[in-house]
Amino acid sequence: MAGQYLRAPPWASSRGWLNNNDRGVEGASYGQMHRKHEVLAAIDNIELVRAKSSLHLMILADGEKLGQLEIGRGSLFWWGKNRKKSKKLDWSHFAEKMNELAYGD
């Protein structure tokens, strides 16, 4: 993986950029809230229109890795928690799968 993972700045949650589900927790102040999910990001090349450029996302739950997603201009790749090989999906196939999952189409 080329880039170093970036974390959201501390002010991001106050501007609505992070998980909105954490906002209404009874009895918890902003400093005490615990976010279950975290996403770390790295970019190989700022312009995703070029070949060999991609956005890498590492998805964590309670500090434990759930998987890794690499998003490019032609397709995306998913690595499960401890997988060595990725699963490749082109954008058309990804859209079909998401529609099936979300809408039952």
C-alpha atoms as a PDB file:
ATOM      1  CA  MET A   1       0.000   0.000   0.000  1.00  0.00           C
ATOM      2  CA  ALA A   2       1.476   3.279  -1.078  1.00  0.00           C
ATOM      3  CA  GLY A   3       0.141   6.049   1.147  1.00  0.00           C
ATOM      4  CA  GLN A   4       0.027   6.450   4.881  1.00  0.00           C
ATOM      5  CA  TYR A   5      -3.442   6.236   6.417  1.00  0.00           C
ATOM      6  CA  LEU A   6      -4.992   9.501   7.482  1.00  0.00           C
ATOM      7  CA  ARG A   7      -7.308  10.077  10.435  1.00  0.00           C
ATOM      8  CA  ALA A   8     -10.101  12.628  10.502  1.00  0.00           C
ATOM      9  CA  PRO A   9      -9.228  15.861  12.287  1.00  0.00           C
ATOM     10  CA  PRO A  10     -10.671  16.321  15.796  1.00  0.00           C
ATOM     11  CA  TRP A  11     -13.174  18.947  14.602  1.00  0.00           C
ATOM     12  CA  ALA A  12     -14.659  16.650  11.915  1.00  0.00           C
ATOM     13  CA  SER A  13     -17.371  15.195  14.175  1.00  0.00           C
ATOM     14  CA  SER A  14     -18.682  18.646  15.096  1.00  0.00           C
ATOM     15  CA  ARG A  15     -19.158  19.428  11.404  1.00  0.00           C
ATOM     16  CA  GLY A  16     -21.107  16.246  10.700  1.00  0.00           C
ATOM     17  CA  TRP A  17     -18.362  14.457   8.778  1.00  0.00           C
ATOM     18  CA  LEU A  18     -18.226  11.465  11.069  1.00  0.00           C
ATOM     19  CA  ASN A  19     -20.796   8.991  12.340  1.00  0.00           C
ATOM     20  CA  ASN A  20     -24.006  10.895  13.125  1.00  0.00           C
ATOM     21  CA  ASN A  21     -25.412   7.937  15.090  1.00  0.00           C
ATOM     22  CA  ASP A  22     -23.083   8.725  18.011  1.00  0.00           C
ATOM     23  CA  ARG A  23     -24.567  12.167  18.646  1.00  0.00           C
ATOM     24  CA  GLY A  24     -27.660  11.332  20.672  1.00  0.00           C
ATOM     25  CA  VAL A  25     -26.197   8.943  23.234  1.00  0.00           C
ATOM     26  CA  GLU A  26     -27.852   9.621  26.588  1.00  0.00           C
ATOM     27  CA  GLY A  27     -25.553  10.511  29.459  1.00  0.00           C
ATOM     28  CA  ALA A  28     -22.468  10.897  27.274  1.00  0.00           C
ATOM     29  CA  SER A  29     -20.659  14.113  26.486  1.00  0.00           C
ATOM     30  CA  TYR A  30     -18.700  14.573  23.279  1.00  0.00           C
ATOM     31  CA  GLY A  31     -15.458  13.740  25.066  1.00  0.00           C
ATOM     32  CA  GLN A  32     -16.819  10.421  26.383  1.00  0.00           C
ATOM     33  CA  MET A  33     -18.400   9.040  23.210  1.00  0.00           C
ATOM     34  CA  HIS A  34     -17.068   5.849  21.734  1.00  0.00           C
ATOM     35  CA  ARG A  35     -17.246   5.285  17.983  1.00  0.00           C
ATOM     36  CA  LYS A  36     -17.597   1.664  17.020  1.00  0.00           C
ATOM     37  CA  HIS A  37     -16.424   2.090  13.415  1.00  0.00           C
ATOM     38  CA  GLU A  38     -13.431   3.951  12.074  1.00  0.00           C
ATOM     39  CA  VAL A  39     -12.235   4.359   8.495  1.00  0.00           C
ATOM     40  CA  LEU A  40      -8.634   5.221   7.659  1.00  0.00           C
ATOM     41  CA  ALA A  41      -7.820   6.518   4.171  1.00  0.00           C
ATOM     42  CA  ALA A  42      -4.791   6.743   1.885  1.00  0.00           C
ATOM     43  CA  ILE A  43      -4.561   8.022  -1.696  1.00  0.00           C
ATOM     44  CA  ASP A  44      -1.975   6.792  -4.216  1.00  0.00           C
ATOM     45  CA  ASN A  45      -2.505   9.641  -6.646  1.00  0.00           C
ATOM     46  CA  ILE A  46      -4.667  12.708  -6.079  1.00  0.00           C
ATOM     47  CA  GLU A  47      -6.135  12.547  -9.599  1.00  0.00           C
ATOM     48  CA  LEU A  48      -8.185   9.338  -9.721  1.00  0.00           C
ATOM     49  CA  VAL A  49      -8.599   9.771 -13.493  1.00  0.00           C
ATOM     50  CA  ARG A  50      -5.108   8.412 -14.145  1.00  0.00           C
ATOM     51  CA  ALA A  51      -4.171   4.762 -14.354  1.00  0.00           C
ATOM     52  CA  LYS A  52      -2.505   3.315 -11.253  1.00  0.00           C
ATOM     53  CA  SER A  53      -4.356   5.720  -8.969  1.00  0.00           C
ATOM     54  CA  SER A  54      -6.622   4.573  -6.167  1.00  0.00           C
ATOM     55  CA  LEU A  55      -8.144   5.350  -2.805  1.00  0.00           C
ATOM     56  CA  HIS A  56      -7.414   2.847  -0.027  1.00  0.00           C
ATOM     57  CA  LEU A  57      -9.774   2.518   2.939  1.00  0.00           C
ATOM     58  CA  MET A  58      -9.113   0.415   6.031  1.00  0.00           C
ATOM     59  CA  ILE A  59     -12.325  -0.300   7.951  1.00  0.00           C
ATOM     60  CA  LEU A  60     -12.084  -0.956  11.701  1.00  0.00           C
ATOM     61  CA  ALA A  61     -14.679  -1.885  14.339  1.00  0.00           C
ATOM     62  CA  ASP A  62     -13.714  -1.342  17.963  1.00  0.00           C
ATOM     63  CA  GLY A  63     -10.097  -0.983  16.857  1.00  0.00           C
ATOM     64  CA  GLU A  64     -10.070  -4.343  15.059  1.00  0.00           C
ATOM     65  CA  LYS A  65      -9.678  -4.547  11.283  1.00  0.00           C
ATOM     66  CA  LEU A  66     -12.827  -5.612   9.395  1.00  0.00           C
ATOM     67  CA  GLY A  67     -11.318  -5.318   5.953  1.00  0.00           C
ATOM     68  CA  GLN A  68      -9.689  -3.143   3.362  1.00  0.00           C
ATOM     69  CA  LEU A  69     -11.169  -1.529   0.255  1.00  0.00           C
ATOM     70  CA  GLU A  70      -9.217  -0.218  -2.732  1.00  0.00           C
ATOM     71  CA  ILE A  71     -11.222   2.023  -5.038  1.00  0.00           C
ATOM     72  CA  GLY A  72      -9.919   2.758  -8.517  1.00  0.00           C
ATOM     73  CA  ARG A  73     -11.415   4.262 -11.619  1.00  0.00           C
ATOM     74  CA  GLY A  74     -12.252   0.912 -13.242  1.00  0.00           C
ATOM     75  CA  SER A  75     -13.046  -1.346 -10.311  1.00  0.00           C
ATOM     76  CA  LEU A  76     -12.765  -1.929  -6.603  1.00  0.00           C
ATOM     77  CA  PHE A  77     -10.989  -4.589  -4.558  1.00  0.00           C
ATOM     78  CA  TRP A  78     -12.015  -5.949  -1.142  1.00  0.00           C
ATOM     79  CA  TRP A  79      -9.733  -7.782   1.291  1.00  0.00           C
ATOM     80  CA  GLY A  80     -11.486  -9.408   4.241  1.00  0.00           C
ATOM     81  CA  LYS A  81     -10.082  -9.208   7.757  1.00  0.00           C
ATOM     82  CA  ASN A  82      -7.146 -11.639   7.398  1.00  0.00           C
ATOM     83  CA  ARG A  83      -7.289 -12.373   3.672  1.00  0.00           C
ATOM     84  CA  LYS A  84      -4.203 -12.439   1.469  1.00  0.00           C
ATOM     85  CA  LYS A  85      -6.163 -12.300  -1.807  1.00  0.00           C
ATOM     86  CA  SER A  86      -8.609  -9.614  -2.840  1.00  0.00           C
ATOM     87  CA  LYS A  87     -12.003  -9.892  -4.487  1.00  0.00           C
ATOM     88  CA  LYS A  88     -12.287  -7.680  -7.576  1.00  0.00           C
ATOM     89  CA  LEU A  89     -15.579  -6.112  -8.681  1.00  0.00           C
ATOM     90  CA  ASP A  90     -16.068  -3.797 -11.626  1.00  0.00           C
ATOM     91  CA  TRP A  91     -18.425  -0.869 -11.059  1.00  0.00           C
ATOM     92  CA  SER A  92     -21.363  -2.429 -12.941  1.00  0.00           C
ATOM     93  CA  HIS A  93     -21.173  -5.622 -10.907  1.00  0.00           C
ATOM     94  CA  PHE A  94     -20.777  -3.620  -7.690  1.00  0.00           C
ATOM     95  CA  ALA A  95     -23.896  -1.564  -8.525  1.00  0.00           C
ATOM     96  CA  GLU A  96     -25.894  -4.768  -9.185  1.00  0.00           C
ATOM     97  CA  LYS A  97     -24.800  -6.288  -5.859  1.00  0.00           C
ATOM     98  CA  MET A  98     -25.596  -3.103  -3.918  1.00  0.00           C
ATOM     99  CA  ASN A  99     -29.045  -2.857  -5.517  1.00  0.00           C
ATOM    100  CA  GLU A 100     -29.733  -6.484  -4.599  1.00  0.00           C
ATOM    101  CA  LEU A 101     -28.598  -5.894  -1.037  1.00  0.00           C
ATOM    102  CA  ALA A 102     -30.342  -2.551  -0.541  1.00  0.00           C
ATOM    103  CA  TYR A 103     -33.537  -2.996  -2.554  1.00  0.00           C
ATOM    104  CA  GLY A 104     -33.881  -6.708  -3.228  1.00  0.00           C
ATOM    105  CA  ASP A 105     -33.751  -6.094  -7.019  1.00  0.00           C
END
